[in-house]
Amino acid sequence: MQAPYLFSGNEVRSSTAATTATSDVETNLLELAIHGGWSVPLRQDVYRGIYKCLAEHPAALLIDLRDMTDPEGSSVAMWLAARRAGTTLQPAVRVALCVPPATTLAGRLRRVGARRYMSIFTTMVDARAALIGSLAVPELLELWLPPDPGSARQARELVDQACQAWLLPQLVYPAKLVMSELVSNGIEHARTDILATVSRRGTGLYLSVRDGDPRLPAMVEPGERGAADLRRSGGRGLRFVHASAVAWGARPTADGKIVWATVRAGKPGVALP
């Protein structure tokens, strides 16, 4: 089973030694900063980071290379692969780079003609301004819910409204199932008010539940708990989410967390070449 994807919310950052991911919920822009010298271990970390960012299906992914050293410019293939992977999604994810101009990497990108088919910026200020200015306002529905059992039903009705408004009847059943489990899990474990959000991602849906508990969720594997315990706790919870969603994960916020899932007909995934 895949592990939850961990990202930061727009108030805080989530870091490893190699990458820092930052998301902006309002603009649907994800930023991925790369740290350190280009090497095989860093390449593996970057590959995972890009995969996870694209799995959340943002409107755009901005890769910040200002804190990465690549004396030979050998990372070019990774950034071109990220761009190609973004174009395979529906709708396509715009992948852009921020690269200091006086570097070997910038020179190699120029020589291979990368600027003809991807956006490359020299400062993050310019990159953010250009990307945010070009992004459409996300289509979304939101609803604040109390930590009551009836909130799961209201969240399912929110999904119904979204699928009807956006002509996505094929997603009604899986999206309602996933949203119900996310809300129920939040009610059981967080016991705080919940913000349920349904956003359109082309022919798919991005579902999220925000609560006031900073503890990230864990999926129970078969055999870890007895059948009676599972029945008492409300069933298989996140295992349903895992089975029904293209990708799902959790990211911390300043006052709790967001648990999210992407739902598409046929569950098509994302892969880097």
C-alpha atoms as a PDB file:
ATOM      1  CA  MET A   1       0.000   0.000   0.000  1.00  0.00           C
ATOM      2  CA  GLN A   2       1.200   3.501  -0.767  1.00  0.00           C
ATOM      3  CA  ALA A   3       1.947   5.829   2.114  1.00  0.00           C
ATOM      4  CA  PRO A   4       0.082   9.124   2.502  1.00  0.00           C
ATOM      5  CA  TYR A   5       1.555  11.985   0.499  1.00  0.00           C
ATOM      6  CA  LEU A   6       2.770  14.718   2.843  1.00  0.00           C
ATOM      7  CA  PHE A   7       2.680  18.372   1.800  1.00  0.00           C
ATOM      8  CA  SER A   8       2.523  21.711   3.556  1.00  0.00           C
ATOM      9  CA  GLY A   9      -0.477  23.963   3.709  1.00  0.00           C
ATOM     10  CA  ASN A  10      -0.327  27.591   2.598  1.00  0.00           C
ATOM     11  CA  GLU A  11       0.470  28.735   6.152  1.00  0.00           C
ATOM     12  CA  VAL A  12       3.453  26.449   6.850  1.00  0.00           C
ATOM     13  CA  ARG A  13       6.135  24.483   5.073  1.00  0.00           C
ATOM     14  CA  SER A  14       6.917  20.778   5.134  1.00  0.00           C
ATOM     15  CA  SER A  15      10.593  19.995   4.613  1.00  0.00           C
ATOM     16  CA  THR A  16      13.036  17.172   4.169  1.00  0.00           C
ATOM     17  CA  ALA A  17      16.777  17.587   3.694  1.00  0.00           C
ATOM     18  CA  ALA A  18      16.265  17.540  -0.071  1.00  0.00           C
ATOM     19  CA  THR A  19      12.929  19.215  -0.817  1.00  0.00           C
ATOM     20  CA  THR A  20      10.451  21.730   0.537  1.00  0.00           C
ATOM     21  CA  ALA A  21       6.857  21.638  -0.726  1.00  0.00           C
ATOM     22  CA  THR A  22       4.533  24.606  -0.262  1.00  0.00           C
ATOM     23  CA  SER A  23       0.947  24.855  -1.497  1.00  0.00           C
ATOM     24  CA  ASP A  24      -1.414  27.776  -1.931  1.00  0.00           C
ATOM     25  CA  VAL A  25      -5.001  26.610  -1.585  1.00  0.00           C
ATOM     26  CA  GLU A  26      -6.493  29.798  -3.015  1.00  0.00           C
ATOM     27  CA  THR A  27      -4.519  29.767  -6.283  1.00  0.00           C
ATOM     28  CA  ASN A  28      -3.953  26.001  -6.593  1.00  0.00           C
ATOM     29  CA  LEU A  29      -0.216  26.595  -7.106  1.00  0.00           C
ATOM     30  CA  LEU A  30       2.328  24.132  -5.695  1.00  0.00           C
ATOM     31  CA  GLU A  31       5.978  25.046  -5.185  1.00  0.00           C
ATOM     32  CA  LEU A  32       8.745  22.475  -4.808  1.00  0.00           C
ATOM     33  CA  ALA A  33      12.148  23.792  -3.708  1.00  0.00           C
ATOM     34  CA  ILE A  34      15.207  21.574  -4.248  1.00  0.00           C
ATOM     35  CA  HIS A  35      18.188  21.746  -1.873  1.00  0.00           C
ATOM     36  CA  GLY A  36      21.752  20.441  -2.184  1.00  0.00           C
ATOM     37  CA  GLY A  37      24.045  19.115  -4.851  1.00  0.00           C
ATOM     38  CA  TRP A  38      22.688  17.040  -7.734  1.00  0.00           C
ATOM     39  CA  SER A  39      23.413  13.361  -7.106  1.00  0.00           C
ATOM     40  CA  VAL A  40      21.773   9.964  -7.356  1.00  0.00           C
ATOM     41  CA  PRO A  41      20.152  10.239  -3.873  1.00  0.00           C
ATOM     42  CA  LEU A  42      18.902  13.756  -4.609  1.00  0.00           C
ATOM     43  CA  ARG A  43      17.576  12.610  -7.982  1.00  0.00           C
ATOM     44  CA  GLN A  44      15.515   9.907  -6.234  1.00  0.00           C
ATOM     45  CA  ASP A  45      14.144  12.383  -3.696  1.00  0.00           C
ATOM     46  CA  VAL A  46      13.246  14.862  -6.448  1.00  0.00           C
ATOM     47  CA  TYR A  47      11.546  12.140  -8.490  1.00  0.00           C
ATOM     48  CA  ARG A  48       9.349  11.224  -5.502  1.00  0.00           C
ATOM     49  CA  GLY A  49       8.658  14.880  -4.733  1.00  0.00           C
ATOM     50  CA  ILE A  50       7.531  15.672  -8.277  1.00  0.00           C
ATOM     51  CA  TYR A  51       5.390  12.539  -8.429  1.00  0.00           C
ATOM     52  CA  LYS A  52       3.644  13.466  -5.202  1.00  0.00           C
ATOM     53  CA  CYS A  53       3.085  17.060  -6.292  1.00  0.00           C
ATOM     54  CA  LEU A  54       1.544  15.983  -9.602  1.00  0.00           C
ATOM     55  CA  ALA A  55      -0.609  13.418  -7.783  1.00  0.00           C
ATOM     56  CA  GLU A  56      -2.326  16.303  -6.000  1.00  0.00           C
ATOM     57  CA  HIS A  57      -3.061  17.752  -9.458  1.00  0.00           C
ATOM     58  CA  PRO A  58      -2.384  21.456  -8.924  1.00  0.00           C
ATOM     59  CA  ALA A  59      -3.046  24.027 -11.617  1.00  0.00           C
ATOM     60  CA  ALA A  60       0.698  24.672 -11.798  1.00  0.00           C
ATOM     61  CA  LEU A  61       3.904  23.296 -10.279  1.00  0.00           C
ATOM     62  CA  LEU A  62       6.791  25.720  -9.769  1.00  0.00           C
ATOM     63  CA  ILE A  63      10.147  24.011  -9.171  1.00  0.00           C
ATOM     64  CA  ASP A  64      12.625  26.257  -7.362  1.00  0.00           C
ATOM     65  CA  LEU A  65      16.245  25.378  -8.236  1.00  0.00           C
ATOM     66  CA  ARG A  66      17.952  28.369  -6.628  1.00  0.00           C
ATOM     67  CA  ASP A  67      19.307  26.297  -3.728  1.00  0.00           C
ATOM     68  CA  MET A  68      20.481  23.373  -5.873  1.00  0.00           C
ATOM     69  CA  THR A  69      23.991  23.020  -7.269  1.00  0.00           C
ATOM     70  CA  ASP A  70      24.474  21.191 -10.564  1.00  0.00           C
ATOM     71  CA  PRO A  71      27.951  22.052 -11.926  1.00  0.00           C
ATOM     72  CA  GLU A  72      27.517  19.890 -15.043  1.00  0.00           C
ATOM     73  CA  GLY A  73      23.855  20.645 -15.706  1.00  0.00           C
ATOM     74  CA  SER A  74      23.103  16.922 -15.664  1.00  0.00           C
ATOM     75  CA  SER A  75      19.652  17.376 -14.092  1.00  0.00           C
ATOM     76  CA  VAL A  76      18.154  18.718 -17.333  1.00  0.00           C
ATOM     77  CA  ALA A  77      16.439  15.405 -18.161  1.00  0.00           C
ATOM     78  CA  MET A  78      14.556  15.440 -14.838  1.00  0.00           C
ATOM     79  CA  TRP A  79      12.977  18.837 -15.473  1.00  0.00           C
ATOM     80  CA  LEU A  80      12.013  17.960 -19.020  1.00  0.00           C
ATOM     81  CA  ALA A  81      10.453  14.704 -17.754  1.00  0.00           C
ATOM     82  CA  ALA A  82       8.474  16.656 -15.139  1.00  0.00           C
ATOM     83  CA  ARG A  83       7.138  18.933 -17.831  1.00  0.00           C
ATOM     84  CA  ARG A  84       6.082  15.953 -19.980  1.00  0.00           C
ATOM     85  CA  ALA A  85       4.397  14.283 -17.007  1.00  0.00           C
ATOM     86  CA  GLY A  86       2.411  17.441 -16.306  1.00  0.00           C
ATOM     87  CA  THR A  87       1.099  17.514 -19.880  1.00  0.00           C
ATOM     88  CA  THR A  88      -0.287  13.967 -19.588  1.00  0.00           C
ATOM     89  CA  LEU A  89      -2.804  15.003 -16.912  1.00  0.00           C
ATOM     90  CA  GLN A  90      -6.301  16.250 -17.734  1.00  0.00           C
ATOM     91  CA  PRO A  91      -6.326  19.161 -17.364  1.00  0.00           C
ATOM     92  CA  ALA A  92      -2.599  19.538 -17.915  1.00  0.00           C
ATOM     93  CA  VAL A  93      -0.443  20.812 -15.059  1.00  0.00           C
ATOM     94  CA  ARG A  94       1.821  23.674 -16.068  1.00  0.00           C
ATOM     95  CA  VAL A  95       5.360  22.919 -14.842  1.00  0.00           C
ATOM     96  CA  ALA A  96       7.740  25.882 -14.530  1.00  0.00           C
ATOM     97  CA  LEU A  97      11.297  26.342 -13.285  1.00  0.00           C
ATOM     98  CA  CYS A  98      13.109  29.068 -11.387  1.00  0.00           C
ATOM     99  CA  VAL A  99      16.810  28.845 -12.327  1.00  0.00           C
ATOM    100  CA  PRO A 100      19.589  31.379 -11.662  1.00  0.00           C
ATOM    101  CA  PRO A 101      20.689  32.600 -15.113  1.00  0.00           C
ATOM    102  CA  ALA A 102      24.468  32.403 -14.604  1.00  0.00           C
ATOM    103  CA  THR A 103      24.616  28.638 -14.066  1.00  0.00           C
ATOM    104  CA  THR A 104      25.603  25.662 -16.174  1.00  0.00           C
ATOM    105  CA  LEU A 105      22.086  24.281 -15.794  1.00  0.00           C
ATOM    106  CA  ALA A 106      20.540  27.463 -17.217  1.00  0.00           C
ATOM    107  CA  GLY A 107      22.937  27.272 -20.141  1.00  0.00           C
ATOM    108  CA  ARG A 108      22.080  23.650 -20.891  1.00  0.00           C
ATOM    109  CA  LEU A 109      18.358  24.417 -20.734  1.00  0.00           C
ATOM    110  CA  ARG A 110      18.893  27.169 -23.282  1.00  0.00           C
ATOM    111  CA  ARG A 111      20.900  24.895 -25.576  1.00  0.00           C
ATOM    112  CA  VAL A 112      18.207  22.187 -25.640  1.00  0.00           C
ATOM    113  CA  GLY A 113      15.543  24.803 -26.368  1.00  0.00           C
ATOM    114  CA  ALA A 114      13.605  24.214 -23.147  1.00  0.00           C
ATOM    115  CA  ARG A 115      12.148  27.730 -23.196  1.00  0.00           C
ATOM    116  CA  ARG A 116      10.161  26.859 -26.321  1.00  0.00           C
ATOM    117  CA  TYR A 117       7.841  24.553 -24.388  1.00  0.00           C
ATOM    118  CA  MET A 118       8.168  25.341 -20.663  1.00  0.00           C
ATOM    119  CA  SER A 119       8.293  28.485 -18.541  1.00  0.00           C
ATOM    120  CA  ILE A 120      11.694  29.287 -17.013  1.00  0.00           C
ATOM    121  CA  PHE A 121      12.130  32.247 -14.661  1.00  0.00           C
ATOM    122  CA  THR A 122      15.140  33.815 -12.984  1.00  0.00           C
ATOM    123  CA  THR A 123      13.366  34.970  -9.784  1.00  0.00           C
ATOM    124  CA  MET A 124      10.559  33.524  -7.702  1.00  0.00           C
ATOM    125  CA  VAL A 125       8.809  36.908  -7.617  1.00  0.00           C
ATOM    126  CA  ASP A 126       8.547  36.934 -11.401  1.00  0.00           C
ATOM    127  CA  ALA A 127       7.584  33.254 -11.492  1.00  0.00           C
ATOM    128  CA  ARG A 128       4.754  33.591  -8.975  1.00  0.00           C
ATOM    129  CA  ALA A 129       3.392  36.731 -10.599  1.00  0.00           C
ATOM    130  CA  ALA A 130       3.345  35.154 -14.064  1.00  0.00           C
ATOM    131  CA  LEU A 131       1.870  31.840 -12.982  1.00  0.00           C
ATOM    132  CA  ILE A 132      -0.790  33.173 -10.626  1.00  0.00           C
ATOM    133  CA  GLY A 133      -1.804  35.756 -13.186  1.00  0.00           C
ATOM    134  CA  SER A 134      -2.419  33.045 -15.759  1.00  0.00           C
ATOM    135  CA  LEU A 135      -4.303  30.590 -13.546  1.00  0.00           C
ATOM    136  CA  ALA A 136      -8.067  30.339 -13.719  1.00  0.00           C
ATOM    137  CA  VAL A 137     -10.030  30.737 -10.492  1.00  0.00           C
ATOM    138  CA  PRO A 138     -10.594  27.187  -9.177  1.00  0.00           C
ATOM    139  CA  GLU A 139     -14.147  25.844  -9.303  1.00  0.00           C
ATOM    140  CA  LEU A 140     -14.934  24.748  -5.775  1.00  0.00           C
ATOM    141  CA  LEU A 141     -17.651  24.282  -3.181  1.00  0.00           C
ATOM    142  CA  GLU A 142     -16.966  24.544   0.546  1.00  0.00           C
ATOM    143  CA  LEU A 143     -18.963  23.770   3.671  1.00  0.00           C
ATOM    144  CA  TRP A 144     -18.118  24.141   7.361  1.00  0.00           C
ATOM    145  CA  LEU A 145     -19.411  21.188   9.373  1.00  0.00           C
ATOM    146  CA  PRO A 146     -19.630  20.449  13.099  1.00  0.00           C
ATOM    147  CA  PRO A 147     -18.123  17.233  14.531  1.00  0.00           C
ATOM    148  CA  ASP A 148     -21.483  15.439  14.428  1.00  0.00           C
ATOM    149  CA  PRO A 149     -22.449  12.145  12.733  1.00  0.00           C
ATOM    150  CA  GLY A 150     -24.863  13.986  10.443  1.00  0.00           C
ATOM    151  CA  SER A 151     -22.011  15.959   8.908  1.00  0.00           C
ATOM    152  CA  ALA A 152     -20.999  13.023   6.703  1.00  0.00           C
ATOM    153  CA  ARG A 153     -24.423  13.151   5.030  1.00  0.00           C
ATOM    154  CA  GLN A 154     -24.106  16.903   4.430  1.00  0.00           C
ATOM    155  CA  ALA A 155     -20.666  16.365   2.895  1.00  0.00           C
ATOM    156  CA  ARG A 156     -22.088  13.727   0.536  1.00  0.00           C
ATOM    157  CA  GLU A 157     -24.783  16.216  -0.505  1.00  0.00           C
ATOM    158  CA  LEU A 158     -22.008  18.728  -1.266  1.00  0.00           C
ATOM    159  CA  VAL A 159     -20.442  16.168  -3.613  1.00  0.00           C
ATOM    160  CA  ASP A 160     -23.848  15.622  -5.246  1.00  0.00           C
ATOM    161  CA  GLN A 161     -24.171  19.353  -5.893  1.00  0.00           C
ATOM    162  CA  ALA A 162     -20.687  19.518  -7.391  1.00  0.00           C
ATOM    163  CA  CYS A 163     -21.182  16.535  -9.701  1.00  0.00           C
ATOM    164  CA  GLN A 164     -24.494  17.930 -10.932  1.00  0.00           C
ATOM    165  CA  ALA A 165     -23.102  21.441 -11.467  1.00  0.00           C
ATOM    166  CA  TRP A 166     -19.989  20.214 -13.290  1.00  0.00           C
ATOM    167  CA  LEU A 167     -21.700  17.379 -15.225  1.00  0.00           C
ATOM    168  CA  LEU A 168     -19.656  14.592 -13.638  1.00  0.00           C
ATOM    169  CA  PRO A 169     -22.288  11.919 -12.877  1.00  0.00           C
ATOM    170  CA  GLN A 170     -19.749   9.115 -13.238  1.00  0.00           C
ATOM    171  CA  LEU A 171     -17.939  10.378 -10.119  1.00  0.00           C
ATOM    172  CA  VAL A 172     -20.949  10.656  -7.813  1.00  0.00           C
ATOM    173  CA  TYR A 173     -20.577   7.239  -6.182  1.00  0.00           C
ATOM    174  CA  PRO A 174     -16.784   7.084  -5.661  1.00  0.00           C
ATOM    175  CA  ALA A 175     -16.530  10.750  -4.670  1.00  0.00           C
ATOM    176  CA  LYS A 176     -19.361  10.472  -2.121  1.00  0.00           C
ATOM    177  CA  LEU A 177     -17.741   7.354  -0.673  1.00  0.00           C
ATOM    178  CA  VAL A 178     -14.347   9.032  -0.349  1.00  0.00           C
ATOM    179  CA  MET A 179     -15.730  12.280   1.085  1.00  0.00           C
ATOM    180  CA  SER A 180     -17.881  10.398   3.578  1.00  0.00           C
ATOM    181  CA  GLU A 181     -14.850   8.474   4.839  1.00  0.00           C
ATOM    182  CA  LEU A 182     -12.688  11.594   5.083  1.00  0.00           C
ATOM    183  CA  VAL A 183     -15.330  13.449   7.070  1.00  0.00           C
ATOM    184  CA  SER A 184     -16.135  10.452   9.278  1.00  0.00           C
ATOM    185  CA  ASN A 185     -12.446   9.979  10.011  1.00  0.00           C
ATOM    186  CA  GLY A 186     -12.140  13.647  10.960  1.00  0.00           C
ATOM    187  CA  ILE A 187     -15.195  13.478  13.218  1.00  0.00           C
ATOM    188  CA  GLU A 188     -13.915  10.370  14.996  1.00  0.00           C
ATOM    189  CA  HIS A 189     -10.316  11.421  15.510  1.00  0.00           C
ATOM    190  CA  ALA A 190     -10.131  15.239  15.346  1.00  0.00           C
ATOM    191  CA  ARG A 191     -13.481  16.102  16.961  1.00  0.00           C
ATOM    192  CA  THR A 192     -13.240  19.708  15.775  1.00  0.00           C
ATOM    193  CA  ASP A 193     -15.163  21.730  13.215  1.00  0.00           C
ATOM    194  CA  ILE A 194     -14.412  20.558   9.681  1.00  0.00           C
ATOM    195  CA  LEU A 195     -14.118  22.407   6.369  1.00  0.00           C
ATOM    196  CA  ALA A 196     -15.148  20.096   3.506  1.00  0.00           C
ATOM    197  CA  THR A 197     -14.084  21.236   0.035  1.00  0.00           C
ATOM    198  CA  VAL A 198     -14.866  19.864  -3.429  1.00  0.00           C
ATOM    199  CA  SER A 199     -12.772  21.277  -6.293  1.00  0.00           C
ATOM    200  CA  ARG A 200     -12.950  20.486  -9.976  1.00  0.00           C
ATOM    201  CA  ARG A 201      -9.860  19.091 -11.695  1.00  0.00           C
ATOM    202  CA  GLY A 202     -10.987  18.856 -15.314  1.00  0.00           C
ATOM    203  CA  THR A 203     -12.929  15.586 -15.468  1.00  0.00           C
ATOM    204  CA  GLY A 204     -11.923  14.707 -11.906  1.00  0.00           C
ATOM    205  CA  LEU A 205     -12.526  15.965  -8.381  1.00  0.00           C
ATOM    206  CA  TYR A 206     -10.182  17.048  -5.610  1.00  0.00           C
ATOM    207  CA  LEU A 207     -11.743  16.424  -2.195  1.00  0.00           C
ATOM    208  CA  SER A 208     -10.333  17.774   1.052  1.00  0.00           C
ATOM    209  CA  VAL A 209     -11.264  17.903   4.716  1.00  0.00           C
ATOM    210  CA  ARG A 210      -9.620  20.402   7.044  1.00  0.00           C
ATOM    211  CA  ASP A 211      -9.771  19.982  10.812  1.00  0.00           C
ATOM    212  CA  GLY A 212      -8.091  21.297  13.954  1.00  0.00           C
ATOM    213  CA  ASP A 213      -6.115  18.182  14.896  1.00  0.00           C
ATOM    214  CA  PRO A 214      -2.424  18.187  13.826  1.00  0.00           C
ATOM    215  CA  ARG A 215      -2.105  14.381  13.963  1.00  0.00           C
ATOM    216  CA  LEU A 216      -1.797  12.928  10.470  1.00  0.00           C
ATOM    217  CA  PRO A 217      -3.946   9.882   9.634  1.00  0.00           C
ATOM    218  CA  ALA A 218      -2.657   6.333   9.292  1.00  0.00           C
ATOM    219  CA  MET A 219      -4.253   3.613   7.211  1.00  0.00           C
ATOM    220  CA  VAL A 220      -4.977   0.359   9.051  1.00  0.00           C
ATOM    221  CA  GLU A 221      -3.577  -2.639   7.178  1.00  0.00           C
ATOM    222  CA  PRO A 222      -5.387  -6.009   7.110  1.00  0.00           C
ATOM    223  CA  GLY A 223      -4.497  -8.060  10.155  1.00  0.00           C
ATOM    224  CA  GLU A 224      -3.383  -5.103  12.262  1.00  0.00           C
ATOM    225  CA  ARG A 225      -6.715  -5.077  14.120  1.00  0.00           C
ATOM    226  CA  GLY A 226      -9.393  -7.632  14.637  1.00  0.00           C
ATOM    227  CA  ALA A 227     -12.685  -7.596  12.745  1.00  0.00           C
ATOM    228  CA  ALA A 228     -14.589  -6.602  15.885  1.00  0.00           C
ATOM    229  CA  ASP A 229     -12.303  -3.598  16.415  1.00  0.00           C
ATOM    230  CA  LEU A 230     -12.796  -2.526  12.802  1.00  0.00           C
ATOM    231  CA  ARG A 231     -16.570  -2.738  13.135  1.00  0.00           C
ATOM    232  CA  ARG A 232     -16.504  -0.698  16.332  1.00  0.00           C
ATOM    233  CA  SER A 233     -14.291   1.990  14.766  1.00  0.00           C
ATOM    234  CA  GLY A 234     -16.546   2.461  11.747  1.00  0.00           C
ATOM    235  CA  GLY A 235     -14.978  -0.006   9.326  1.00  0.00           C
ATOM    236  CA  ARG A 236     -12.087   0.223   6.952  1.00  0.00           C
ATOM    237  CA  GLY A 237     -12.021   4.007   6.660  1.00  0.00           C
ATOM    238  CA  LEU A 238      -8.961   5.120   4.782  1.00  0.00           C
ATOM    239  CA  ARG A 239      -8.670   1.733   3.051  1.00  0.00           C
ATOM    240  CA  PHE A 240     -11.842   2.706   1.148  1.00  0.00           C
ATOM    241  CA  VAL A 241     -10.218   6.025   0.278  1.00  0.00           C
ATOM    242  CA  HIS A 242      -7.065   4.247  -0.884  1.00  0.00           C
ATOM    243  CA  ALA A 243      -9.074   1.876  -3.088  1.00  0.00           C
ATOM    244  CA  SER A 244     -11.283   4.568  -4.653  1.00  0.00           C
ATOM    245  CA  ALA A 245      -8.920   7.525  -5.142  1.00  0.00           C
ATOM    246  CA  VAL A 246      -6.178   8.135  -7.698  1.00  0.00           C
ATOM    247  CA  ALA A 247      -4.083   9.573  -4.867  1.00  0.00           C
ATOM    248  CA  TRP A 248      -4.648  10.742  -1.323  1.00  0.00           C
ATOM    249  CA  GLY A 249      -2.616  12.275   1.442  1.00  0.00           C
ATOM    250  CA  ALA A 250      -2.353  14.686   4.339  1.00  0.00           C
ATOM    251  CA  ARG A 251      -0.517  17.935   4.935  1.00  0.00           C
ATOM    252  CA  PRO A 252      -0.181  20.008   8.099  1.00  0.00           C
ATOM    253  CA  THR A 253      -1.579  23.499   8.526  1.00  0.00           C
ATOM    254  CA  ALA A 254      -0.862  26.095  11.193  1.00  0.00           C
ATOM    255  CA  ASP A 255      -3.862  24.955  13.249  1.00  0.00           C
ATOM    256  CA  GLY A 256      -4.421  21.330  12.228  1.00  0.00           C
ATOM    257  CA  LYS A 257      -4.244  19.425   8.962  1.00  0.00           C
ATOM    258  CA  ILE A 258      -5.841  18.822   5.569  1.00  0.00           C
ATOM    259  CA  VAL A 259      -6.590  15.310   4.347  1.00  0.00           C
ATOM    260  CA  TRP A 260      -7.190  15.197   0.592  1.00  0.00           C
ATOM    261  CA  ALA A 261      -7.978  12.772  -2.215  1.00  0.00           C
ATOM    262  CA  THR A 262      -8.220  12.972  -6.003  1.00  0.00           C
ATOM    263  CA  VAL A 263     -11.012  10.981  -7.674  1.00  0.00           C
ATOM    264  CA  ARG A 264     -11.211  10.193 -11.393  1.00  0.00           C
ATOM    265  CA  ALA A 265     -13.165   7.760 -13.515  1.00  0.00           C
ATOM    266  CA  GLY A 266     -11.080   4.640 -14.067  1.00  0.00           C
ATOM    267  CA  LYS A 267      -8.433   5.830 -11.571  1.00  0.00           C
ATOM    268  CA  PRO A 268      -5.783   6.867 -14.133  1.00  0.00           C
ATOM    269  CA  GLY A 269      -2.533   7.636 -12.368  1.00  0.00           C
ATOM    270  CA  VAL A 270       0.448   9.852 -13.087  1.00  0.00           C
ATOM    271  CA  ALA A 271       3.913   8.606 -13.986  1.00  0.00           C
ATOM    272  CA  LEU A 272       7.224  10.199 -14.803  1.00  0.00           C
ATOM    273  CA  PRO A 273       9.052   8.859 -17.847  1.00  0.00           C
END
